[in-house]
Structures are given as C-alpha cells and as structure tokens.
Amino acid sequence: MNLRKEAERRVDAKIDFQENLYKYLIVNLIIAVISIYFLQSFWLLFFVMFFWGIGVLEKFFKAYPFKDIVSPNYRENMIQNEISKMGD
C-alpha cells in the first residue's frame, strides 16, 4: 500500500474519531441538562451514552489500533516520532 494513502487513512480516522467524540460530549451534556430539569430521570441519558458510546469506542479503535500499542516496536516508533517532530 502507498505510504501516503495509509497516512491519509489514519489521519482521516483520527479526525473522524475526534469529531464524533466532541459531538458525543456536547449532545450528552444537553441531554443531561434536559434530563435533570424536565424529566427528573436519567434513563434517556444512559441509553444514549451507552449505545452511542459503543460507536465512539469503535471509532477510537479504528483511529488508534491496539496492535500499534502492544507491538514490540512501540517505544522505538514513539522515539522516531518525537525525533521527527523535533527536526521540524
């Protein structure tokens, strides 16, 4: 696979996760306020948090693959990443 296309795919996945996380937090905050003031119960908030949270977790694992974290080269990859940032 082309290295640039792989980098673009990873960046797109990270941006997609971050956007979804921000929306998740904002909508759940609004639902929490509505639940406290108008419904006096949290069933709606928990329902939305649980099912939307599953989707947020899915996007997280697509953006930050677990295999990259537990790979034996993880430390070395982080060092190379820091070196490249320092060089810019």
C-alpha atoms as a PDB file:
ATOM      1  CA  MET A   1       0.000   0.000   0.000  1.00  0.00           C
ATOM      2  CA  ASN A   2       1.147   3.510  -0.730  1.00  0.00           C
ATOM      3  CA  LEU A   3       2.610   5.109   2.402  1.00  0.00           C
ATOM      4  CA  ARG A   4       0.834   8.423   1.788  1.00  0.00           C
ATOM      5  CA  LYS A   5      -2.553   6.740   1.364  1.00  0.00           C
ATOM      6  CA  GLU A   6      -2.043   4.815   4.611  1.00  0.00           C
ATOM      7  CA  ALA A   7      -1.117   8.040   6.417  1.00  0.00           C
ATOM      8  CA  GLU A   8      -4.189   9.781   4.965  1.00  0.00           C
ATOM      9  CA  ARG A   9      -6.397   6.887   6.087  1.00  0.00           C
ATOM     10  CA  ARG A  10      -5.015   7.081   9.634  1.00  0.00           C
ATOM     11  CA  VAL A  11      -5.392  10.858   9.806  1.00  0.00           C
ATOM     12  CA  ASP A  12      -8.967  10.644   8.497  1.00  0.00           C
ATOM     13  CA  ALA A  13      -9.775   8.002  11.122  1.00  0.00           C
ATOM     14  CA  LYS A  14      -8.351  10.197  13.898  1.00  0.00           C
ATOM     15  CA  ILE A  15     -10.249  13.265  12.698  1.00  0.00           C
ATOM     16  CA  ASP A  16     -13.458  11.228  12.433  1.00  0.00           C
ATOM     17  CA  PHE A  17     -12.984   9.922  15.983  1.00  0.00           C
ATOM     18  CA  GLN A  18     -12.292  13.387  17.394  1.00  0.00           C
ATOM     19  CA  GLU A  19     -15.329  14.916  15.694  1.00  0.00           C
ATOM     20  CA  ASN A  20     -17.549  12.085  16.916  1.00  0.00           C
ATOM     21  CA  LEU A  21     -16.192  12.414  20.461  1.00  0.00           C
ATOM     22  CA  TYR A  22     -16.893  16.161  20.559  1.00  0.00           C
ATOM     23  CA  LYS A  23     -20.433  15.620  19.302  1.00  0.00           C
ATOM     24  CA  TYR A  24     -20.926  12.819  21.829  1.00  0.00           C
ATOM     25  CA  LEU A  25     -19.856  15.061  24.709  1.00  0.00           C
ATOM     26  CA  ILE A  26     -21.948  18.048  23.622  1.00  0.00           C
ATOM     27  CA  VAL A  27     -25.118  16.053  22.947  1.00  0.00           C
ATOM     28  CA  ASN A  28     -24.805  14.109  26.193  1.00  0.00           C
ATOM     29  CA  LEU A  29     -24.332  17.344  28.124  1.00  0.00           C
ATOM     30  CA  ILE A  30     -27.511  18.746  26.570  1.00  0.00           C
ATOM     31  CA  ILE A  31     -29.415  15.532  27.294  1.00  0.00           C
ATOM     32  CA  ALA A  32     -28.126  15.580  30.890  1.00  0.00           C
ATOM     33  CA  VAL A  33     -29.453  19.106  31.392  1.00  0.00           C
ATOM     34  CA  ILE A  34     -32.798  18.169  29.847  1.00  0.00           C
ATOM     35  CA  SER A  35     -32.966  15.014  31.972  1.00  0.00           C
ATOM     36  CA  ILE A  36     -32.289  16.923  35.189  1.00  0.00           C
ATOM     37  CA  TYR A  37     -34.663  19.818  34.611  1.00  0.00           C
ATOM     38  CA  PHE A  38     -37.544  18.295  32.683  1.00  0.00           C
ATOM     39  CA  LEU A  39     -37.569  14.516  33.043  1.00  0.00           C
ATOM     40  CA  GLN A  40     -36.163  14.080  36.564  1.00  0.00           C
ATOM     41  CA  SER A  41     -34.694  10.762  35.412  1.00  0.00           C
ATOM     42  CA  PHE A  42     -31.589   9.664  33.624  1.00  0.00           C
ATOM     43  CA  TRP A  43     -32.835   6.718  31.542  1.00  0.00           C
ATOM     44  CA  LEU A  44     -32.603   8.701  28.291  1.00  0.00           C
ATOM     45  CA  LEU A  45     -29.079   9.883  29.095  1.00  0.00           C
ATOM     46  CA  PHE A  46     -27.863   6.381  29.950  1.00  0.00           C
ATOM     47  CA  PHE A  47     -29.488   4.939  26.837  1.00  0.00           C
ATOM     48  CA  VAL A  48     -27.804   7.462  24.532  1.00  0.00           C
ATOM     49  CA  MET A  49     -24.473   7.283  26.355  1.00  0.00           C
ATOM     50  CA  PHE A  50     -24.331   3.506  26.171  1.00  0.00           C
ATOM     51  CA  PHE A  51     -25.275   2.933  22.548  1.00  0.00           C
ATOM     52  CA  TRP A  52     -23.518   5.978  21.107  1.00  0.00           C
ATOM     53  CA  GLY A  53     -20.547   5.186  23.347  1.00  0.00           C
ATOM     54  CA  ILE A  54     -20.163   1.829  21.614  1.00  0.00           C
ATOM     55  CA  GLY A  55     -19.828   3.684  18.310  1.00  0.00           C
ATOM     56  CA  VAL A  56     -17.306   6.117  19.802  1.00  0.00           C
ATOM     57  CA  LEU A  57     -15.223   3.194  21.069  1.00  0.00           C
ATOM     58  CA  GLU A  58     -15.333   1.582  17.645  1.00  0.00           C
ATOM     59  CA  LYS A  59     -14.019   4.769  16.036  1.00  0.00           C
ATOM     60  CA  PHE A  60     -11.348   5.030  18.733  1.00  0.00           C
ATOM     61  CA  PHE A  61     -10.012   1.558  17.985  1.00  0.00           C
ATOM     62  CA  LYS A  62     -10.021   2.301  14.256  1.00  0.00           C
ATOM     63  CA  ALA A  63      -8.085   5.536  14.826  1.00  0.00           C
ATOM     64  CA  TYR A  64      -5.665   4.131  17.406  1.00  0.00           C
ATOM     65  CA  PRO A  65      -5.223   0.424  16.667  1.00  0.00           C
ATOM     66  CA  PHE A  66      -4.464  -1.700  19.707  1.00  0.00           C
ATOM     67  CA  LYS A  67      -1.857  -3.657  17.745  1.00  0.00           C
ATOM     68  CA  ASP A  68       0.262  -0.495  17.454  1.00  0.00           C
ATOM     69  CA  ILE A  69       0.266  -0.017  21.217  1.00  0.00           C
ATOM     70  CA  VAL A  70       1.273  -3.570  22.141  1.00  0.00           C
ATOM     71  CA  SER A  71       3.773  -4.070  19.323  1.00  0.00           C
ATOM     72  CA  PRO A  72       7.378  -4.651  20.350  1.00  0.00           C
ATOM     73  CA  ASN A  73       8.429  -1.626  18.273  1.00  0.00           C
ATOM     74  CA  TYR A  74       6.039   0.763  20.053  1.00  0.00           C
ATOM     75  CA  ARG A  75       8.764   2.516  22.054  1.00  0.00           C
ATOM     76  CA  GLU A  76      11.023   2.823  19.042  1.00  0.00           C
ATOM     77  CA  ASN A  77       8.155   4.207  16.937  1.00  0.00           C
ATOM     78  CA  MET A  78       7.424   6.824  19.597  1.00  0.00           C
ATOM     79  CA  ILE A  79      11.104   7.807  19.730  1.00  0.00           C
ATOM     80  CA  GLN A  80      11.229   8.179  15.931  1.00  0.00           C
ATOM     81  CA  ASN A  81       8.033  10.218  16.032  1.00  0.00           C
ATOM     82  CA  GLU A  82       9.495  12.583  18.645  1.00  0.00           C
ATOM     83  CA  ILE A  83      12.739  12.914  16.681  1.00  0.00           C
ATOM     84  CA  SER A  84      10.808  13.848  13.541  1.00  0.00           C
ATOM     85  CA  LYS A  85       8.800  16.443  15.473  1.00  0.00           C
ATOM     86  CA  MET A  86      11.967  17.967  16.924  1.00  0.00           C
ATOM     87  CA  GLY A  87      13.533  18.238  13.474  1.00  0.00           C
ATOM     88  CA  ASP A  88      10.667  20.317  12.050  1.00  0.00           C
END
